[in-house]
């Protein structure tokens, strides 16, 4: 595996096996794509999931969705903490959410350096398939619940910053966008 710095914001990319994978950064339109259901869970998809987990880990993230690497597939990966096994969610569906809400500071690998509190359901139940095609169901009220909701949004072309009013969103994004202009010149 070879890792190297890209010329885009300070993010590591991966170049190994057959292909190159890197994080797509806001405001790229690829982040707004609504994903398609995965029809075949095969070695190619497992390779994509493996690359996504490694890219997420190198960038110290807890979740990464296919649109964040330029793919329109309904898949995301999550690692709740450095000690936990990564989870692959293929064709995920949130089947239940709690009425109880919680506030937590969110960020996104596609918008590095931007963090802010966001209100979401505290607990969820999610169903999906893993990288081997095995169906699973998880009930969570931990950080995992929050990360799954965040990554599910990515599969619908929604970013966490979309939940904020324009004035706050613009304030949060101003330093990020200024930094992007400086990096590109």
N, C-alpha and C. Protein backbone atom coordinates (compact mmCIF):
# COMPACT_ATOMS: atom_id res chain seq x y z
N UNK A 1 0.85 -1.18 0.00
CA UNK A 1 0.00 0.00 0.00
C UNK A 1 0.89 1.23 0.00
N UNK A 2 0.55 2.17 -0.86
CA UNK A 2 1.29 3.43 -0.94
C UNK A 2 0.34 4.55 -0.57
N UNK A 3 0.74 5.38 0.36
CA UNK A 3 -0.06 6.54 0.74
C UNK A 3 0.75 7.78 0.46
N UNK A 4 0.11 8.82 0.02
CA UNK A 4 0.82 10.06 -0.26
C UNK A 4 -0.12 11.24 -0.13
N UNK A 5 0.44 12.42 0.03
CA UNK A 5 -0.35 13.64 0.16
C UNK A 5 -0.82 14.07 -1.22
N UNK A 6 -2.05 14.52 -1.31
CA UNK A 6 -2.56 15.05 -2.57
C UNK A 6 -2.33 16.54 -2.60
N UNK A 7 -2.62 17.16 -3.75
CA UNK A 7 -2.50 18.61 -3.83
C UNK A 7 -3.80 19.28 -3.39
N UNK A 8 -4.79 18.50 -3.01
CA UNK A 8 -6.03 19.05 -2.48
C UNK A 8 -5.86 19.18 -0.98
N UNK A 9 -6.64 20.03 -0.34
CA UNK A 9 -6.60 20.24 1.11
C UNK A 9 -5.74 19.13 1.73
N UNK A 10 -5.42 19.16 2.95
CA UNK A 10 -4.44 18.24 3.55
C UNK A 10 -5.06 16.89 3.87
N UNK A 11 -5.26 16.07 2.87
CA UNK A 11 -5.85 14.77 3.07
C UNK A 11 -4.99 13.71 2.40
N UNK A 12 -4.88 12.58 3.05
CA UNK A 12 -4.15 11.48 2.44
C UNK A 12 -5.04 10.75 1.46
N UNK A 13 -4.44 10.25 0.40
CA UNK A 13 -5.13 9.43 -0.58
C UNK A 13 -4.44 8.08 -0.64
N UNK A 14 -5.10 7.12 -1.22
CA UNK A 14 -4.53 5.79 -1.35
C UNK A 14 -4.37 5.43 -2.81
N UNK A 15 -3.27 4.79 -3.13
CA UNK A 15 -3.04 4.29 -4.47
C UNK A 15 -2.49 2.87 -4.32
N UNK A 16 -3.38 1.88 -4.41
CA UNK A 16 -2.94 0.51 -4.31
C UNK A 16 -3.94 -0.38 -5.02
N UNK A 17 -3.57 -1.62 -5.24
CA UNK A 17 -4.34 -2.57 -6.03
C UNK A 17 -4.63 -1.94 -7.38
N UNK A 18 -5.84 -2.05 -7.90
CA UNK A 18 -6.14 -1.48 -9.21
C UNK A 18 -6.89 -0.19 -9.06
N UNK A 19 -6.27 0.85 -8.73
CA UNK A 19 -7.01 2.09 -8.72
C UNK A 19 -6.60 3.04 -7.64
N UNK A 20 -7.12 4.18 -7.80
CA UNK A 20 -6.79 5.31 -6.97
C UNK A 20 -8.07 5.76 -6.29
N UNK A 21 -8.01 6.04 -5.02
CA UNK A 21 -9.19 6.52 -4.30
C UNK A 21 -8.78 7.71 -3.46
N UNK A 22 -9.56 8.78 -3.55
CA UNK A 22 -9.31 9.94 -2.71
C UNK A 22 -10.62 10.54 -2.26
N UNK A 23 -10.55 11.32 -1.21
CA UNK A 23 -11.74 11.97 -0.68
C UNK A 23 -12.13 13.13 -1.58
N UNK A 24 -13.43 13.22 -1.85
CA UNK A 24 -14.01 14.32 -2.61
C UNK A 24 -14.35 15.43 -1.62
N UNK A 25 -13.96 16.65 -1.94
CA UNK A 25 -14.16 17.77 -1.02
C UNK A 25 -15.29 18.69 -1.46
N UNK A 26 -15.99 19.22 -0.46
CA UNK A 26 -17.00 20.24 -0.67
C UNK A 26 -16.34 21.44 -1.35
N UNK A 27 -16.97 22.05 -2.35
CA UNK A 27 -18.35 21.94 -2.79
C UNK A 27 -18.56 21.05 -4.03
N UNK A 28 -17.74 20.03 -4.22
CA UNK A 28 -17.85 19.16 -5.40
C UNK A 28 -19.27 18.60 -5.53
N UNK A 29 -19.81 18.65 -6.75
CA UNK A 29 -21.16 18.16 -7.02
C UNK A 29 -21.31 16.66 -6.77
N UNK A 30 -20.21 15.92 -6.78
CA UNK A 30 -20.30 14.48 -6.51
C UNK A 30 -20.87 14.19 -5.12
N UNK A 31 -20.72 15.14 -4.22
CA UNK A 31 -21.26 14.96 -2.86
C UNK A 31 -22.78 15.08 -2.83
N UNK A 32 -23.37 15.56 -3.90
CA UNK A 32 -24.83 15.76 -3.96
C UNK A 32 -25.55 14.64 -4.71
N UNK A 33 -24.80 13.65 -5.15
CA UNK A 33 -25.38 12.53 -5.91
C UNK A 33 -26.16 11.61 -4.98
N UNK A 34 -27.35 11.23 -5.42
CA UNK A 34 -28.13 10.22 -4.68
C UNK A 34 -27.67 8.85 -5.19
N UNK A 35 -27.33 7.98 -4.28
CA UNK A 35 -26.73 6.71 -4.66
C UNK A 35 -27.75 5.70 -5.17
N UNK A 36 -27.21 4.68 -5.84
CA UNK A 36 -28.01 3.58 -6.37
C UNK A 36 -27.76 2.34 -5.51
N UNK A 37 -28.76 1.50 -5.45
CA UNK A 37 -28.62 0.25 -4.69
C UNK A 37 -27.52 -0.60 -5.30
N UNK A 38 -26.79 -1.28 -4.44
CA UNK A 38 -25.77 -2.23 -4.88
C UNK A 38 -26.49 -3.51 -5.27
N UNK A 39 -26.22 -4.00 -6.48
CA UNK A 39 -26.88 -5.21 -6.97
C UNK A 39 -26.04 -6.46 -6.76
N UNK A 40 -24.72 -6.32 -6.79
CA UNK A 40 -23.84 -7.47 -6.63
C UNK A 40 -22.79 -7.20 -5.57
N UNK A 41 -22.74 -8.06 -4.59
CA UNK A 41 -21.70 -7.97 -3.57
C UNK A 41 -20.64 -8.99 -3.97
N UNK A 42 -19.55 -8.48 -4.53
CA UNK A 42 -18.51 -9.34 -5.08
C UNK A 42 -17.13 -8.83 -4.66
N UNK A 43 -16.09 -9.43 -5.22
CA UNK A 43 -14.72 -9.04 -4.86
C UNK A 43 -14.44 -7.58 -5.17
N UNK A 44 -14.99 -7.07 -6.25
CA UNK A 44 -14.77 -5.66 -6.60
C UNK A 44 -15.36 -4.74 -5.53
N UNK A 45 -16.56 -5.07 -5.06
CA UNK A 45 -17.18 -4.25 -4.01
C UNK A 45 -16.41 -4.39 -2.69
N UNK A 46 -15.95 -5.60 -2.38
CA UNK A 46 -15.15 -5.79 -1.16
C UNK A 46 -13.86 -4.98 -1.24
N UNK A 47 -13.26 -4.90 -2.42
CA UNK A 47 -12.05 -4.10 -2.61
C UNK A 47 -12.35 -2.62 -2.39
N UNK A 48 -13.49 -2.16 -2.89
CA UNK A 48 -13.91 -0.76 -2.66
C UNK A 48 -14.07 -0.51 -1.16
N UNK A 49 -14.76 -1.42 -0.48
CA UNK A 49 -14.97 -1.26 0.97
C UNK A 49 -13.64 -1.25 1.72
N UNK A 50 -12.72 -2.13 1.33
CA UNK A 50 -11.40 -2.19 1.95
C UNK A 50 -10.67 -0.86 1.77
N UNK A 51 -10.70 -0.33 0.57
CA UNK A 51 -10.04 0.96 0.30
C UNK A 51 -10.70 2.08 1.11
N UNK A 52 -12.02 2.05 1.18
CA UNK A 52 -12.73 3.09 1.94
C UNK A 52 -12.35 3.05 3.42
N UNK A 53 -12.27 1.86 3.99
CA UNK A 53 -11.88 1.74 5.40
C UNK A 53 -10.48 2.30 5.60
N UNK A 54 -9.56 1.93 4.73
CA UNK A 54 -8.19 2.42 4.87
C UNK A 54 -8.10 3.93 4.70
N UNK A 55 -8.84 4.47 3.74
CA UNK A 55 -8.84 5.92 3.52
C UNK A 55 -9.44 6.64 4.72
N UNK A 56 -10.52 6.08 5.26
CA UNK A 56 -11.15 6.65 6.47
C UNK A 56 -10.16 6.64 7.63
N UNK A 57 -9.47 5.52 7.82
CA UNK A 57 -8.53 5.40 8.94
C UNK A 57 -7.34 6.34 8.79
N UNK A 58 -6.79 6.43 7.60
CA UNK A 58 -5.64 7.32 7.36
C UNK A 58 -6.01 8.76 7.67
N UNK A 59 -7.25 9.13 7.37
CA UNK A 59 -7.71 10.50 7.60
C UNK A 59 -8.34 10.69 8.97
N UNK A 60 -8.24 9.66 9.82
CA UNK A 60 -8.73 9.71 11.20
C UNK A 60 -10.23 10.00 11.28
N UNK A 61 -10.99 9.39 10.37
CA UNK A 61 -12.43 9.55 10.37
C UNK A 61 -13.10 8.39 11.08
N UNK A 62 -14.40 8.54 11.33
CA UNK A 62 -15.19 7.46 11.92
C UNK A 62 -16.21 6.90 10.93
N UNK A 63 -16.35 7.55 9.78
CA UNK A 63 -17.25 7.08 8.75
C UNK A 63 -16.87 7.65 7.40
N UNK A 64 -17.20 6.92 6.34
CA UNK A 64 -16.94 7.37 4.98
C UNK A 64 -17.96 6.73 4.05
N UNK A 65 -18.64 7.55 3.27
CA UNK A 65 -19.68 7.06 2.35
C UNK A 65 -19.18 7.12 0.91
N UNK A 66 -19.75 6.26 0.07
CA UNK A 66 -19.32 6.16 -1.33
C UNK A 66 -19.29 7.50 -2.06
N UNK A 67 -20.28 8.39 -1.91
CA UNK A 67 -20.18 9.68 -2.62
C UNK A 67 -18.94 10.48 -2.24
N UNK A 68 -18.41 10.26 -1.05
CA UNK A 68 -17.22 10.97 -0.61
C UNK A 68 -15.95 10.51 -1.32
N UNK A 69 -16.05 9.41 -2.06
CA UNK A 69 -14.94 8.94 -2.88
C UNK A 69 -15.35 8.90 -4.35
N UNK A 70 -16.43 9.60 -4.67
CA UNK A 70 -16.85 9.75 -6.06
C UNK A 70 -17.64 8.60 -6.63
N UNK A 71 -18.22 7.76 -5.78
CA UNK A 71 -19.00 6.62 -6.25
C UNK A 71 -20.47 6.81 -5.92
N UNK A 72 -21.34 6.31 -6.81
CA UNK A 72 -22.78 6.45 -6.59
C UNK A 72 -23.41 5.16 -6.07
N UNK A 73 -22.67 4.45 -5.25
CA UNK A 73 -23.14 3.19 -4.68
C UNK A 73 -23.67 3.40 -3.27
N UNK A 74 -24.66 2.61 -2.90
CA UNK A 74 -25.25 2.71 -1.57
C UNK A 74 -24.42 1.87 -0.58
N UNK A 75 -23.28 2.45 -0.20
CA UNK A 75 -22.37 1.78 0.73
C UNK A 75 -21.64 2.82 1.56
N UNK A 76 -21.46 2.51 2.83
CA UNK A 76 -20.58 3.33 3.66
C UNK A 76 -19.87 2.43 4.66
N UNK A 77 -18.79 2.96 5.21
CA UNK A 77 -18.01 2.22 6.21
C UNK A 77 -17.93 3.07 7.47
N UNK A 78 -17.84 2.39 8.61
CA UNK A 78 -17.82 3.06 9.91
C UNK A 78 -16.84 2.32 10.82
N UNK A 79 -16.11 3.08 11.61
CA UNK A 79 -15.32 2.51 12.70
C UNK A 79 -15.57 3.42 13.89
N UNK A 80 -16.29 2.91 14.88
CA UNK A 80 -16.72 3.74 16.00
C UNK A 80 -15.55 4.26 16.83
N UNK A 81 -14.50 3.46 16.97
CA UNK A 81 -13.28 3.91 17.66
C UNK A 81 -12.11 3.07 17.16
N UNK A 82 -10.90 3.47 17.53
CA UNK A 82 -9.72 2.79 16.99
C UNK A 82 -9.63 1.32 17.38
N UNK A 83 -10.30 0.93 18.43
CA UNK A 83 -10.26 -0.46 18.88
C UNK A 83 -11.35 -1.32 18.24
N UNK A 84 -12.34 -0.71 17.62
CA UNK A 84 -13.46 -1.48 17.08
C UNK A 84 -13.19 -1.95 15.65
N UNK A 85 -13.87 -3.01 15.30
CA UNK A 85 -13.79 -3.55 13.95
C UNK A 85 -14.57 -2.62 13.01
N UNK A 86 -14.03 -2.37 11.81
CA UNK A 86 -14.80 -1.54 10.88
C UNK A 86 -16.06 -2.29 10.43
N UNK A 87 -17.12 -1.54 10.22
CA UNK A 87 -18.38 -2.11 9.75
C UNK A 87 -18.65 -1.59 8.35
N UNK A 88 -19.11 -2.47 7.47
CA UNK A 88 -19.48 -2.11 6.11
C UNK A 88 -21.00 -2.20 6.02
N UNK A 89 -21.64 -1.13 5.56
CA UNK A 89 -23.09 -1.06 5.40
C UNK A 89 -23.40 -0.96 3.92
N UNK A 90 -24.02 -2.00 3.36
CA UNK A 90 -24.40 -2.01 1.96
C UNK A 90 -25.92 -1.98 1.89
N UNK A 91 -26.45 -1.08 1.06
CA UNK A 91 -27.90 -0.88 0.93
C UNK A 91 -28.57 -0.71 2.29
N UNK A 92 -28.04 0.20 3.12
CA UNK A 92 -28.58 0.38 4.47
C UNK A 92 -29.95 1.06 4.47
N UNK A 93 -30.69 0.77 5.52
CA UNK A 93 -32.00 1.37 5.71
C UNK A 93 -32.21 1.59 7.21
N UNK A 94 -32.48 2.83 7.59
CA UNK A 94 -32.83 3.11 8.99
C UNK A 94 -34.31 2.81 9.13
N UNK A 95 -34.63 1.84 9.99
CA UNK A 95 -36.02 1.39 10.13
C UNK A 95 -36.72 2.02 11.32
N UNK A 96 -35.95 2.51 12.29
CA UNK A 96 -36.53 3.17 13.46
C UNK A 96 -35.61 4.28 13.94
N UNK A 97 -36.22 5.35 14.42
CA UNK A 97 -35.48 6.42 15.09
C UNK A 97 -36.23 6.77 16.36
N UNK A 98 -35.50 7.18 17.37
CA UNK A 98 -36.13 7.55 18.63
C UNK A 98 -36.73 8.94 18.55
N UNK A 99 -37.70 9.19 19.43
CA UNK A 99 -38.24 10.54 19.56
C UNK A 99 -37.25 11.41 20.33
N UNK A 100 -36.47 10.75 21.20
CA UNK A 100 -35.47 11.49 21.98
C UNK A 100 -34.35 11.93 21.05
N UNK A 101 -33.97 13.19 21.20
CA UNK A 101 -32.91 13.76 20.35
C UNK A 101 -31.66 14.02 21.19
N UNK A 102 -30.53 14.11 20.51
CA UNK A 102 -29.29 14.47 21.19
C UNK A 102 -28.49 15.42 20.30
N UNK A 103 -27.71 16.26 20.97
CA UNK A 103 -26.86 17.22 20.26
C UNK A 103 -25.43 16.72 20.36
N UNK A 104 -24.73 16.77 19.25
CA UNK A 104 -23.33 16.33 19.22
C UNK A 104 -22.61 17.12 18.14
N UNK A 105 -21.36 17.41 18.38
CA UNK A 105 -20.57 18.15 17.40
C UNK A 105 -20.20 17.21 16.26
N UNK A 106 -20.59 17.59 15.04
CA UNK A 106 -20.29 16.78 13.86
C UNK A 106 -19.28 17.48 12.97
N UNK A 107 -18.58 16.67 12.22
CA UNK A 107 -17.66 17.14 11.20
C UNK A 107 -17.74 16.17 10.04
N UNK A 108 -16.92 16.39 9.02
CA UNK A 108 -17.00 15.56 7.83
C UNK A 108 -15.64 15.56 7.13
N UNK A 109 -15.19 14.38 6.71
CA UNK A 109 -13.92 14.31 5.99
C UNK A 109 -13.95 15.09 4.68
N UNK A 110 -15.13 15.32 4.13
CA UNK A 110 -15.25 16.09 2.89
C UNK A 110 -15.27 17.60 3.13
N UNK A 111 -15.35 18.01 4.39
CA UNK A 111 -15.32 19.44 4.74
C UNK A 111 -14.39 19.58 5.95
N UNK A 112 -13.10 19.31 5.76
CA UNK A 112 -12.18 19.29 6.91
C UNK A 112 -12.12 20.62 7.64
N UNK A 113 -12.09 20.51 8.97
CA UNK A 113 -11.97 21.70 9.81
C UNK A 113 -13.27 22.36 10.18
N UNK A 114 -14.39 21.88 9.63
CA UNK A 114 -15.70 22.46 9.94
C UNK A 114 -16.42 21.51 10.90
N UNK A 115 -16.73 22.00 12.09
CA UNK A 115 -17.42 21.21 13.12
C UNK A 115 -18.48 22.09 13.76
N UNK A 116 -19.63 21.47 14.05
CA UNK A 116 -20.66 22.22 14.76
C UNK A 116 -21.69 21.25 15.32
N UNK A 117 -22.37 21.70 16.37
CA UNK A 117 -23.40 20.89 17.01
C UNK A 117 -24.57 20.65 16.07
N UNK A 118 -25.08 19.41 16.10
CA UNK A 118 -26.23 19.06 15.28
C UNK A 118 -27.17 18.17 16.09
N UNK A 119 -28.45 18.45 16.00
CA UNK A 119 -29.49 17.69 16.69
C UNK A 119 -29.94 16.54 15.79
N UNK A 120 -29.90 15.34 16.32
CA UNK A 120 -30.36 14.14 15.60
C UNK A 120 -31.05 13.20 16.58
N UNK A 121 -31.83 12.23 16.07
CA UNK A 121 -32.37 11.21 16.96
C UNK A 121 -31.24 10.51 17.72
N UNK A 122 -31.48 10.26 19.00
CA UNK A 122 -30.45 9.65 19.84
C UNK A 122 -30.23 8.18 19.50
N UNK A 123 -31.31 7.48 19.19
CA UNK A 123 -31.24 6.03 18.93
C UNK A 123 -31.80 5.71 17.55
N UNK A 124 -31.22 4.68 16.95
CA UNK A 124 -31.71 4.22 15.65
C UNK A 124 -31.66 2.70 15.58
N UNK A 125 -32.39 2.17 14.63
CA UNK A 125 -32.24 0.78 14.21
C UNK A 125 -31.94 0.84 12.72
N UNK A 126 -30.87 0.17 12.32
CA UNK A 126 -30.47 0.17 10.91
C UNK A 126 -30.30 -1.27 10.45
N UNK A 127 -30.72 -1.52 9.21
CA UNK A 127 -30.55 -2.82 8.58
C UNK A 127 -29.68 -2.63 7.35
N UNK A 128 -28.82 -3.61 7.07
CA UNK A 128 -27.94 -3.51 5.91
C UNK A 128 -27.36 -4.90 5.62
N UNK A 129 -26.52 -4.94 4.60
CA UNK A 129 -25.75 -6.13 4.27
C UNK A 129 -24.28 -5.80 4.49
N UNK A 130 -23.52 -6.80 4.92
CA UNK A 130 -22.08 -6.57 5.10
C UNK A 130 -21.34 -6.90 3.80
N UNK A 131 -20.02 -6.84 3.84
CA UNK A 131 -19.21 -7.04 2.65
C UNK A 131 -19.26 -8.47 2.11
N UNK A 132 -19.83 -9.39 2.89
CA UNK A 132 -19.99 -10.78 2.44
C UNK A 132 -21.42 -11.09 2.03
N UNK A 133 -22.27 -10.06 2.01
CA UNK A 133 -23.66 -10.24 1.62
C UNK A 133 -24.55 -10.72 2.74
N UNK A 134 -24.04 -10.73 3.96
CA UNK A 134 -24.83 -11.18 5.11
C UNK A 134 -25.66 -10.02 5.65
N UNK A 135 -26.97 -10.26 5.81
CA UNK A 135 -27.89 -9.27 6.35
C UNK A 135 -27.62 -9.09 7.84
N UNK A 136 -27.68 -7.85 8.32
CA UNK A 136 -27.56 -7.60 9.75
C UNK A 136 -28.45 -6.43 10.15
N UNK A 137 -28.71 -6.36 11.44
CA UNK A 137 -29.54 -5.31 12.03
C UNK A 137 -28.85 -4.84 13.30
N UNK A 138 -28.73 -3.52 13.44
CA UNK A 138 -28.08 -2.95 14.62
C UNK A 138 -29.01 -1.93 15.26
N UNK A 139 -29.15 -2.01 16.57
CA UNK A 139 -29.82 -0.97 17.34
C UNK A 139 -28.74 -0.24 18.11
N UNK A 140 -28.73 1.08 18.05
CA UNK A 140 -27.66 1.83 18.71
C UNK A 140 -28.17 3.16 19.24
N UNK A 141 -27.62 3.54 20.38
CA UNK A 141 -27.84 4.89 20.91
C UNK A 141 -26.49 5.53 21.25
N UNK A 142 -25.43 4.96 20.70
CA UNK A 142 -24.07 5.46 20.95
C UNK A 142 -23.63 6.35 19.78
N UNK A 143 -22.35 6.62 19.74
CA UNK A 143 -21.78 7.38 18.63
C UNK A 143 -22.11 6.72 17.30
N UNK A 144 -22.20 5.40 17.30
CA UNK A 144 -22.52 4.67 16.07
C UNK A 144 -23.84 5.16 15.47
N UNK A 145 -24.84 5.41 16.29
CA UNK A 145 -26.14 5.90 15.80
C UNK A 145 -25.96 7.22 15.06
N UNK A 146 -25.18 8.10 15.61
CA UNK A 146 -24.93 9.41 15.01
C UNK A 146 -24.19 9.25 13.68
N UNK A 147 -23.13 8.43 13.68
CA UNK A 147 -22.32 8.26 12.47
C UNK A 147 -23.15 7.62 11.36
N UNK A 148 -23.95 6.62 11.69
CA UNK A 148 -24.79 5.98 10.68
C UNK A 148 -25.74 7.01 10.06
N UNK A 149 -26.36 7.86 10.87
CA UNK A 149 -27.27 8.87 10.33
C UNK A 149 -26.53 9.84 9.41
N UNK A 150 -25.33 10.24 9.82
CA UNK A 150 -24.51 11.15 9.01
C UNK A 150 -24.17 10.51 7.67
N UNK A 151 -23.73 9.25 7.69
CA UNK A 151 -23.36 8.57 6.45
C UNK A 151 -24.58 8.27 5.58
N UNK A 152 -25.72 7.96 6.20
CA UNK A 152 -26.96 7.76 5.43
C UNK A 152 -27.31 9.04 4.68
N UNK A 153 -27.12 10.18 5.31
CA UNK A 153 -27.36 11.45 4.63
C UNK A 153 -26.51 11.56 3.37
N UNK A 154 -25.23 11.17 3.47
CA UNK A 154 -24.35 11.23 2.29
C UNK A 154 -24.94 10.42 1.14
N UNK A 155 -25.54 9.28 1.44
CA UNK A 155 -26.10 8.44 0.38
C UNK A 155 -27.28 9.11 -0.32
N UNK A 156 -27.86 10.12 0.33
CA UNK A 156 -28.98 10.88 -0.25
C UNK A 156 -28.53 12.23 -0.79
N UNK A 157 -27.22 12.47 -0.81
CA UNK A 157 -26.70 13.75 -1.31
C UNK A 157 -26.84 14.89 -0.32
N UNK A 158 -27.00 14.56 0.95
CA UNK A 158 -27.19 15.57 2.00
C UNK A 158 -25.93 15.64 2.86
N UNK A 159 -25.50 16.86 3.17
CA UNK A 159 -24.34 17.09 4.03
C UNK A 159 -24.81 17.64 5.37
N UNK A 160 -24.03 17.42 6.41
CA UNK A 160 -24.46 17.89 7.74
C UNK A 160 -24.66 19.40 7.77
N UNK A 161 -23.93 20.13 6.96
CA UNK A 161 -24.08 21.60 6.93
C UNK A 161 -25.41 22.03 6.34
N UNK A 162 -26.10 21.13 5.65
CA UNK A 162 -27.40 21.46 5.05
C UNK A 162 -28.48 21.67 6.12
N UNK A 163 -28.24 21.19 7.32
CA UNK A 163 -29.23 21.32 8.39
C UNK A 163 -29.22 22.71 9.04
N UNK A 164 -28.22 23.51 8.74
CA UNK A 164 -28.10 24.83 9.35
C UNK A 164 -28.72 25.90 8.46
N UNK A 165 -29.18 26.97 9.09
CA UNK A 165 -29.67 28.12 8.34
C UNK A 165 -28.52 28.74 7.55
N UNK A 166 -28.87 29.42 6.46
CA UNK A 166 -27.85 29.98 5.55
C UNK A 166 -26.80 30.81 6.27
N UNK A 167 -27.23 31.67 7.17
CA UNK A 167 -26.29 32.58 7.84
C UNK A 167 -25.24 31.80 8.63
N UNK A 168 -25.68 30.80 9.41
CA UNK A 168 -24.75 29.99 10.19
C UNK A 168 -23.87 29.14 9.26
N UNK A 169 -24.48 28.52 8.26
CA UNK A 169 -23.72 27.69 7.32
C UNK A 169 -22.61 28.51 6.65
N UNK A 170 -22.95 29.71 6.20
CA UNK A 170 -21.95 30.57 5.55
C UNK A 170 -20.83 30.94 6.52
N UNK A 171 -21.18 31.20 7.77
CA UNK A 171 -20.18 31.55 8.78
C UNK A 171 -19.24 30.36 9.02
N UNK A 172 -19.81 29.16 9.11
CA UNK A 172 -18.99 27.97 9.34
C UNK A 172 -18.08 27.67 8.15
N UNK A 173 -18.59 27.90 6.95
CA UNK A 173 -17.84 27.54 5.74
C UNK A 173 -16.82 28.59 5.31
N UNK A 174 -16.95 29.81 5.80
CA UNK A 174 -16.09 30.91 5.33
C UNK A 174 -14.60 30.59 5.48
N UNK A 175 -14.11 30.17 6.66
CA UNK A 175 -12.68 29.86 6.77
C UNK A 175 -12.27 28.68 5.87
N UNK A 176 -13.15 27.68 5.77
CA UNK A 176 -12.87 26.52 4.93
C UNK A 176 -12.72 26.93 3.47
N UNK A 177 -13.68 27.71 2.97
CA UNK A 177 -13.64 28.13 1.56
C UNK A 177 -12.44 29.04 1.30
N UNK A 178 -12.10 29.88 2.25
CA UNK A 178 -10.92 30.74 2.11
C UNK A 178 -9.67 29.86 2.01
N UNK A 179 -9.58 28.84 2.84
CA UNK A 179 -8.46 27.91 2.79
C UNK A 179 -8.39 27.15 1.48
N UNK A 180 -9.54 26.78 0.93
CA UNK A 180 -9.57 26.07 -0.36
C UNK A 180 -9.01 26.96 -1.46
N UNK A 181 -9.37 28.24 -1.44
CA UNK A 181 -8.85 29.17 -2.47
C UNK A 181 -7.34 29.30 -2.35
N UNK A 182 -6.83 29.35 -1.13
CA UNK A 182 -5.39 29.48 -0.92
C UNK A 182 -4.65 28.23 -1.40
N UNK A 183 -5.23 27.06 -1.18
CA UNK A 183 -4.59 25.81 -1.59
C UNK A 183 -4.56 25.69 -3.11
N UNK A 184 -5.62 26.12 -3.79
CA UNK A 184 -5.71 25.95 -5.24
C UNK A 184 -4.81 26.90 -6.02
N UNK A 185 -4.33 27.99 -5.43
CA UNK A 185 -3.51 28.95 -6.18
C UNK A 185 -2.05 28.61 -6.10
